[in-house]
Amino acid sequence: MSFGFLLILYGVALGYQNPSENWIIAAIGGISGIITEFIGATFLFVYKSSIAQADKYAAILERMNFVGMAMQMLDSIAEAPQSDRSSTVNAAESLQNAKIEMAKVLLEKLGNDQP
C-alpha cells in the first residue's frame, strides 16, 4: 500500500513541476497509485474476514471439545454392583458423582459461551 501512495505522490509531483508537458505521466501515476491502493485495501478486507472466520471456527471446535469431554466423562462411569456395598463402592459412587458434576460444569460453560 505504501507503493501505491508513493505512485500517487510521484504523479502529483510531476504534475506540479511542469503541468503542460507531464500531465499524461502525472495522470497515469496517480491512477496507478489509486488502483494499487484499492488492491491493497481489498487484500486487507479479505484478510480481516478470513481471520474472523477462523475465530468462529475455533470457537465451534472449543464447544465441540467441551461436549466431547463431558460425554467421555459420563461414558466412563461404570455401574456399581448392587449386592456388594462396601467402602470401595462408596468411593466409586463419590467418584461417579464427581464426574457427573464436572460434566455438568462443562456443559454449563458451553451454555454460557454461546452468543
N, C-alpha and C. Protein backbone atom coordinates (compact mmCIF):
# COMPACT_ATOMS: atom_id res chain seq x y z
N MET A 1 0.81 -1.18 0.00
CA MET A 1 0.00 0.00 0.00
C MET A 1 0.86 1.25 0.00
N SER A 2 2.03 1.14 0.58
CA SER A 2 2.91 2.31 0.57
C SER A 2 3.42 2.59 -0.85
N PHE A 3 3.57 1.53 -1.64
CA PHE A 3 3.98 1.72 -3.03
C PHE A 3 2.93 2.52 -3.80
N GLY A 4 1.67 2.23 -3.57
CA GLY A 4 0.60 2.97 -4.21
C GLY A 4 0.60 4.43 -3.79
N PHE A 5 0.85 4.67 -2.51
CA PHE A 5 0.91 6.04 -2.03
C PHE A 5 2.08 6.79 -2.68
N LEU A 6 3.22 6.09 -2.83
CA LEU A 6 4.37 6.73 -3.49
C LEU A 6 4.07 7.04 -4.95
N LEU A 7 3.32 6.15 -5.62
CA LEU A 7 2.94 6.43 -7.01
C LEU A 7 2.04 7.66 -7.10
N ILE A 8 1.12 7.80 -6.15
CA ILE A 8 0.26 8.99 -6.14
C ILE A 8 1.09 10.25 -5.91
N LEU A 9 2.02 10.19 -4.97
CA LEU A 9 2.88 11.35 -4.71
C LEU A 9 3.74 11.68 -5.92
N TYR A 10 4.25 10.66 -6.60
CA TYR A 10 5.07 10.88 -7.79
C TYR A 10 4.24 11.56 -8.88
N GLY A 11 3.02 11.09 -9.06
CA GLY A 11 2.15 11.71 -10.07
C GLY A 11 1.84 13.16 -9.75
N VAL A 12 1.57 13.45 -8.48
CA VAL A 12 1.29 14.83 -8.08
C VAL A 12 2.53 15.71 -8.25
N ALA A 13 3.70 15.18 -7.89
CA ALA A 13 4.94 15.96 -8.03
C ALA A 13 5.23 16.27 -9.49
N LEU A 14 5.05 15.29 -10.38
CA LEU A 14 5.26 15.56 -11.81
C LEU A 14 4.25 16.57 -12.34
N GLY A 15 3.04 16.50 -11.85
CA GLY A 15 2.02 17.45 -12.29
C GLY A 15 2.34 18.87 -11.87
N TYR A 16 2.95 19.06 -10.73
CA TYR A 16 3.30 20.40 -10.26
C TYR A 16 4.57 20.95 -10.91
N GLN A 17 5.50 20.08 -11.31
CA GLN A 17 6.76 20.56 -11.88
C GLN A 17 6.54 21.22 -13.23
N ASN A 18 5.87 20.54 -14.10
CA ASN A 18 5.63 21.09 -15.43
C ASN A 18 4.28 20.58 -15.92
N PRO A 19 3.20 21.27 -15.56
CA PRO A 19 1.86 20.75 -15.84
C PRO A 19 1.55 20.60 -17.33
N SER A 20 2.11 21.43 -18.17
CA SER A 20 1.76 21.36 -19.59
C SER A 20 2.40 20.16 -20.28
N GLU A 21 3.59 19.74 -19.86
CA GLU A 21 4.28 18.63 -20.53
C GLU A 21 4.04 17.28 -19.85
N ASN A 22 3.93 17.26 -18.55
CA ASN A 22 3.89 15.99 -17.80
C ASN A 22 2.50 15.60 -17.31
N TRP A 23 1.44 16.16 -17.87
CA TRP A 23 0.12 15.86 -17.35
C TRP A 23 -0.29 14.42 -17.62
N ILE A 24 0.14 13.84 -18.72
CA ILE A 24 -0.21 12.44 -19.02
C ILE A 24 0.52 11.51 -18.04
N ILE A 25 1.80 11.76 -17.84
CA ILE A 25 2.58 10.93 -16.91
C ILE A 25 2.03 11.08 -15.48
N ALA A 26 1.67 12.31 -15.11
CA ALA A 26 1.12 12.54 -13.77
C ALA A 26 -0.22 11.82 -13.60
N ALA A 27 -1.06 11.86 -14.63
CA ALA A 27 -2.35 11.19 -14.55
C ALA A 27 -2.18 9.68 -14.46
N ILE A 28 -1.26 9.13 -15.27
CA ILE A 28 -1.01 7.69 -15.22
C ILE A 28 -0.47 7.28 -13.85
N GLY A 29 0.45 8.06 -13.31
CA GLY A 29 1.00 7.77 -11.98
C GLY A 29 -0.06 7.84 -10.90
N GLY A 30 -0.91 8.85 -10.96
CA GLY A 30 -1.98 8.99 -9.96
C GLY A 30 -3.00 7.87 -10.05
N ILE A 31 -3.41 7.54 -11.26
CA ILE A 31 -4.40 6.47 -11.45
C ILE A 31 -3.83 5.12 -11.03
N SER A 32 -2.58 4.87 -11.39
CA SER A 32 -1.98 3.59 -10.98
C SER A 32 -1.82 3.51 -9.46
N GLY A 33 -1.53 4.63 -8.82
CA GLY A 33 -1.45 4.65 -7.36
C GLY A 33 -2.80 4.36 -6.72
N ILE A 34 -3.85 4.94 -7.28
CA ILE A 34 -5.20 4.69 -6.75
C ILE A 34 -5.59 3.22 -6.93
N ILE A 35 -5.27 2.66 -8.08
CA ILE A 35 -5.57 1.24 -8.32
C ILE A 35 -4.79 0.36 -7.34
N THR A 36 -3.53 0.70 -7.10
CA THR A 36 -2.72 -0.07 -6.16
C THR A 36 -3.29 0.01 -4.75
N GLU A 37 -3.73 1.19 -4.35
CA GLU A 37 -4.36 1.35 -3.03
C GLU A 37 -5.64 0.53 -2.93
N PHE A 38 -6.42 0.51 -3.99
CA PHE A 38 -7.65 -0.28 -4.00
C PHE A 38 -7.36 -1.77 -3.85
N ILE A 39 -6.35 -2.25 -4.56
CA ILE A 39 -5.97 -3.67 -4.45
C ILE A 39 -5.48 -3.98 -3.04
N GLY A 40 -4.68 -3.10 -2.46
CA GLY A 40 -4.21 -3.31 -1.09
C GLY A 40 -5.35 -3.32 -0.09
N ALA A 41 -6.33 -2.42 -0.25
CA ALA A 41 -7.48 -2.39 0.65
C ALA A 41 -8.31 -3.66 0.51
N THR A 42 -8.41 -4.18 -0.72
CA THR A 42 -9.14 -5.42 -0.94
C THR A 42 -8.47 -6.58 -0.22
N PHE A 43 -7.15 -6.66 -0.30
CA PHE A 43 -6.42 -7.72 0.40
C PHE A 43 -6.62 -7.62 1.91
N LEU A 44 -6.60 -6.41 2.45
CA LEU A 44 -6.82 -6.24 3.89
C LEU A 44 -8.22 -6.66 4.30
N PHE A 45 -9.21 -6.36 3.47
CA PHE A 45 -10.58 -6.77 3.77
C PHE A 45 -10.72 -8.29 3.76
N VAL A 46 -10.11 -8.94 2.77
CA VAL A 46 -10.17 -10.40 2.70
C VAL A 46 -9.45 -11.02 3.89
N TYR A 47 -8.33 -10.45 4.29
CA TYR A 47 -7.59 -10.94 5.46
C TYR A 47 -8.43 -10.82 6.72
N LYS A 48 -9.10 -9.67 6.88
CA LYS A 48 -9.93 -9.45 8.06
C LYS A 48 -11.07 -10.46 8.12
N SER A 49 -11.72 -10.71 7.00
CA SER A 49 -12.84 -11.65 7.01
C SER A 49 -12.37 -13.09 7.22
N SER A 50 -11.20 -13.44 6.71
CA SER A 50 -10.70 -14.80 6.93
C SER A 50 -10.28 -15.01 8.38
N ILE A 51 -9.75 -14.00 9.02
CA ILE A 51 -9.40 -14.10 10.45
C ILE A 51 -10.67 -14.23 11.28
N ALA A 52 -11.72 -13.49 10.94
CA ALA A 52 -12.98 -13.60 11.67
C ALA A 52 -13.57 -15.00 11.51
N GLN A 53 -13.48 -15.57 10.32
CA GLN A 53 -13.99 -16.91 10.08
C GLN A 53 -13.18 -17.94 10.86
N ALA A 54 -11.88 -17.78 10.91
CA ALA A 54 -11.04 -18.71 11.68
C ALA A 54 -11.35 -18.63 13.17
N ASP A 55 -11.67 -17.43 13.66
CA ASP A 55 -12.03 -17.28 15.06
C ASP A 55 -13.35 -18.00 15.36
N LYS A 56 -14.32 -17.87 14.48
CA LYS A 56 -15.59 -18.58 14.66
C LYS A 56 -15.38 -20.08 14.63
N TYR A 57 -14.53 -20.55 13.73
CA TYR A 57 -14.24 -21.97 13.61
C TYR A 57 -13.60 -22.50 14.89
N ALA A 58 -12.68 -21.74 15.46
CA ALA A 58 -12.02 -22.15 16.70
C ALA A 58 -13.02 -22.20 17.85
N ALA A 59 -13.96 -21.26 17.90
CA ALA A 59 -14.98 -21.27 18.96
C ALA A 59 -15.88 -22.49 18.82
N ILE A 60 -16.22 -22.85 17.60
CA ILE A 60 -17.05 -24.04 17.39
C ILE A 60 -16.29 -25.30 17.82
N LEU A 61 -15.02 -25.37 17.49
CA LEU A 61 -14.22 -26.53 17.92
C LEU A 61 -14.12 -26.61 19.44
N GLU A 62 -14.00 -25.46 20.09
CA GLU A 62 -13.92 -25.45 21.55
C GLU A 62 -15.22 -25.96 22.17
N ARG A 63 -16.36 -25.53 21.61
CA ARG A 63 -17.65 -26.02 22.13
C ARG A 63 -17.80 -27.52 21.90
N MET A 64 -17.38 -27.98 20.73
CA MET A 64 -17.46 -29.42 20.47
C MET A 64 -16.56 -30.19 21.42
N ASN A 65 -15.41 -29.63 21.76
CA ASN A 65 -14.49 -30.27 22.70
C ASN A 65 -15.12 -30.37 24.09
N PHE A 66 -15.81 -29.32 24.53
CA PHE A 66 -16.49 -29.36 25.83
C PHE A 66 -17.53 -30.47 25.87
N VAL A 67 -18.32 -30.56 24.81
CA VAL A 67 -19.34 -31.60 24.76
C VAL A 67 -18.69 -32.98 24.74
N GLY A 68 -17.63 -33.13 23.97
CA GLY A 68 -16.94 -34.42 23.90
C GLY A 68 -16.35 -34.83 25.23
N MET A 69 -15.74 -33.87 25.94
CA MET A 69 -15.17 -34.19 27.25
C MET A 69 -16.27 -34.59 28.23
N ALA A 70 -17.39 -33.87 28.21
CA ALA A 70 -18.48 -34.19 29.12
C ALA A 70 -19.05 -35.58 28.81
N MET A 71 -19.22 -35.88 27.53
CA MET A 71 -19.75 -37.19 27.16
C MET A 71 -18.76 -38.30 27.51
N GLN A 72 -17.49 -38.05 27.34
CA GLN A 72 -16.48 -39.06 27.69
C GLN A 72 -16.46 -39.31 29.19
N MET A 73 -16.62 -38.26 29.98
CA MET A 73 -16.68 -38.45 31.43
C MET A 73 -17.90 -39.26 31.82
N LEU A 74 -19.04 -38.93 31.20
CA LEU A 74 -20.26 -39.67 31.55
C LEU A 74 -20.19 -41.12 31.07
N ASP A 75 -19.55 -41.36 29.95
CA ASP A 75 -19.43 -42.73 29.45
C ASP A 75 -18.48 -43.56 30.29
N SER A 76 -17.53 -42.90 30.96
CA SER A 76 -16.56 -43.65 31.75
C SER A 76 -17.11 -44.11 33.09
N ILE A 77 -18.29 -43.62 33.43
CA ILE A 77 -18.89 -44.02 34.71
C ILE A 77 -19.40 -45.46 34.57
N ALA A 78 -18.91 -46.31 35.42
CA ALA A 78 -19.34 -47.71 35.39
C ALA A 78 -20.43 -47.92 36.43
N GLU A 79 -21.29 -48.90 36.16
CA GLU A 79 -22.33 -49.24 37.11
C GLU A 79 -21.71 -49.94 38.31
N ALA A 80 -22.04 -49.48 39.50
CA ALA A 80 -21.54 -50.12 40.72
C ALA A 80 -22.36 -51.36 41.00
N PRO A 81 -21.74 -52.43 41.48
CA PRO A 81 -22.51 -53.64 41.80
C PRO A 81 -23.47 -53.38 42.96
N GLN A 82 -24.73 -53.84 42.82
CA GLN A 82 -25.75 -53.56 43.81
C GLN A 82 -25.63 -54.45 45.04
N SER A 83 -25.07 -55.66 44.91
CA SER A 83 -25.04 -56.60 46.03
C SER A 83 -23.94 -56.28 47.03
N ASP A 84 -22.84 -55.73 46.57
CA ASP A 84 -21.69 -55.51 47.44
C ASP A 84 -21.55 -54.02 47.75
N ARG A 85 -22.08 -53.57 48.88
CA ARG A 85 -21.99 -52.16 49.27
C ARG A 85 -20.95 -52.03 50.37
N SER A 86 -19.75 -51.77 50.00
CA SER A 86 -18.68 -51.59 50.98
C SER A 86 -18.07 -50.20 50.81
N SER A 87 -16.93 -50.00 51.43
CA SER A 87 -16.29 -48.69 51.33
C SER A 87 -15.79 -48.41 49.92
N THR A 88 -15.42 -49.45 49.17
CA THR A 88 -14.97 -49.23 47.79
C THR A 88 -16.13 -48.80 46.91
N VAL A 89 -17.32 -49.29 47.21
CA VAL A 89 -18.50 -48.87 46.43
C VAL A 89 -18.81 -47.41 46.73
N ASN A 90 -18.69 -47.02 47.99
CA ASN A 90 -18.92 -45.62 48.35
C ASN A 90 -17.90 -44.71 47.67
N ALA A 91 -16.67 -45.18 47.60
CA ALA A 91 -15.64 -44.40 46.90
C ALA A 91 -15.96 -44.32 45.42
N ALA A 92 -16.45 -45.41 44.84
CA ALA A 92 -16.82 -45.41 43.42
C ALA A 92 -18.00 -44.48 43.17
N GLU A 93 -18.96 -44.48 44.10
CA GLU A 93 -20.11 -43.59 43.95
C GLU A 93 -19.69 -42.13 44.05
N SER A 94 -18.80 -41.83 44.97
CA SER A 94 -18.34 -40.45 45.07
C SER A 94 -17.55 -40.03 43.83
N LEU A 95 -16.80 -40.97 43.26
CA LEU A 95 -16.08 -40.70 42.02
C LEU A 95 -17.07 -40.45 40.89
N GLN A 96 -18.13 -41.25 40.83
CA GLN A 96 -19.16 -41.05 39.80
C GLN A 96 -19.84 -39.70 39.96
N ASN A 97 -20.15 -39.36 41.20
CA ASN A 97 -20.79 -38.07 41.44
C ASN A 97 -19.88 -36.91 41.06
N ALA A 98 -18.59 -37.06 41.32
CA ALA A 98 -17.63 -36.02 40.95
C ALA A 98 -17.56 -35.88 39.43
N LYS A 99 -17.55 -37.01 38.71
CA LYS A 99 -17.52 -36.96 37.24
C LYS A 99 -18.79 -36.32 36.69
N ILE A 100 -19.91 -36.65 37.30
CA ILE A 100 -21.17 -36.06 36.85
C ILE A 100 -21.15 -34.55 37.07
N GLU A 101 -20.66 -34.10 38.20
CA GLU A 101 -20.59 -32.68 38.48
C GLU A 101 -19.64 -31.96 37.51
N MET A 102 -18.50 -32.61 37.20
CA MET A 102 -17.57 -32.00 36.23
C MET A 102 -18.23 -31.90 34.86
N ALA A 103 -18.97 -32.92 34.47
CA ALA A 103 -19.66 -32.88 33.18
C ALA A 103 -20.71 -31.77 33.17
N LYS A 104 -21.41 -31.59 34.29
CA LYS A 104 -22.40 -30.51 34.37
C LYS A 104 -21.73 -29.14 34.23
N VAL A 105 -20.59 -28.98 34.89
CA VAL A 105 -19.88 -27.70 34.80
C VAL A 105 -19.43 -27.42 33.37
N LEU A 106 -18.93 -28.45 32.69
CA LEU A 106 -18.51 -28.26 31.30
C LEU A 106 -19.70 -27.89 30.42
N LEU A 107 -20.82 -28.54 30.61
CA LEU A 107 -21.98 -28.23 29.80
C LEU A 107 -22.57 -26.86 30.14
N GLU A 108 -22.48 -26.44 31.40
CA GLU A 108 -22.91 -25.10 31.76
C GLU A 108 -22.01 -24.05 31.10
N LYS A 109 -20.71 -24.32 31.05
CA LYS A 109 -19.79 -23.40 30.38
C LYS A 109 -20.14 -23.31 28.91
N LEU A 110 -20.51 -24.44 28.33
CA LEU A 110 -20.92 -24.44 26.93
C LEU A 110 -22.15 -23.56 26.73
N GLY A 111 -23.11 -23.65 27.64
CA GLY A 111 -24.31 -22.82 27.53
C GLY A 111 -24.02 -21.35 27.73
N ASN A 112 -23.05 -21.01 28.58
CA ASN A 112 -22.72 -19.61 28.84
C ASN A 112 -21.92 -18.99 27.70
N ASP A 113 -21.18 -19.80 26.94
CA ASP A 113 -20.32 -19.26 25.87
C ASP A 113 -21.07 -19.01 24.58
N GLN A 114 -22.24 -19.55 24.44
CA GLN A 114 -22.96 -19.37 23.18
C GLN A 114 -23.47 -17.94 23.05
N PRO A 115 -23.34 -17.36 21.83
CA PRO A 115 -23.78 -15.98 21.63
C PRO A 115 -25.27 -15.84 21.61
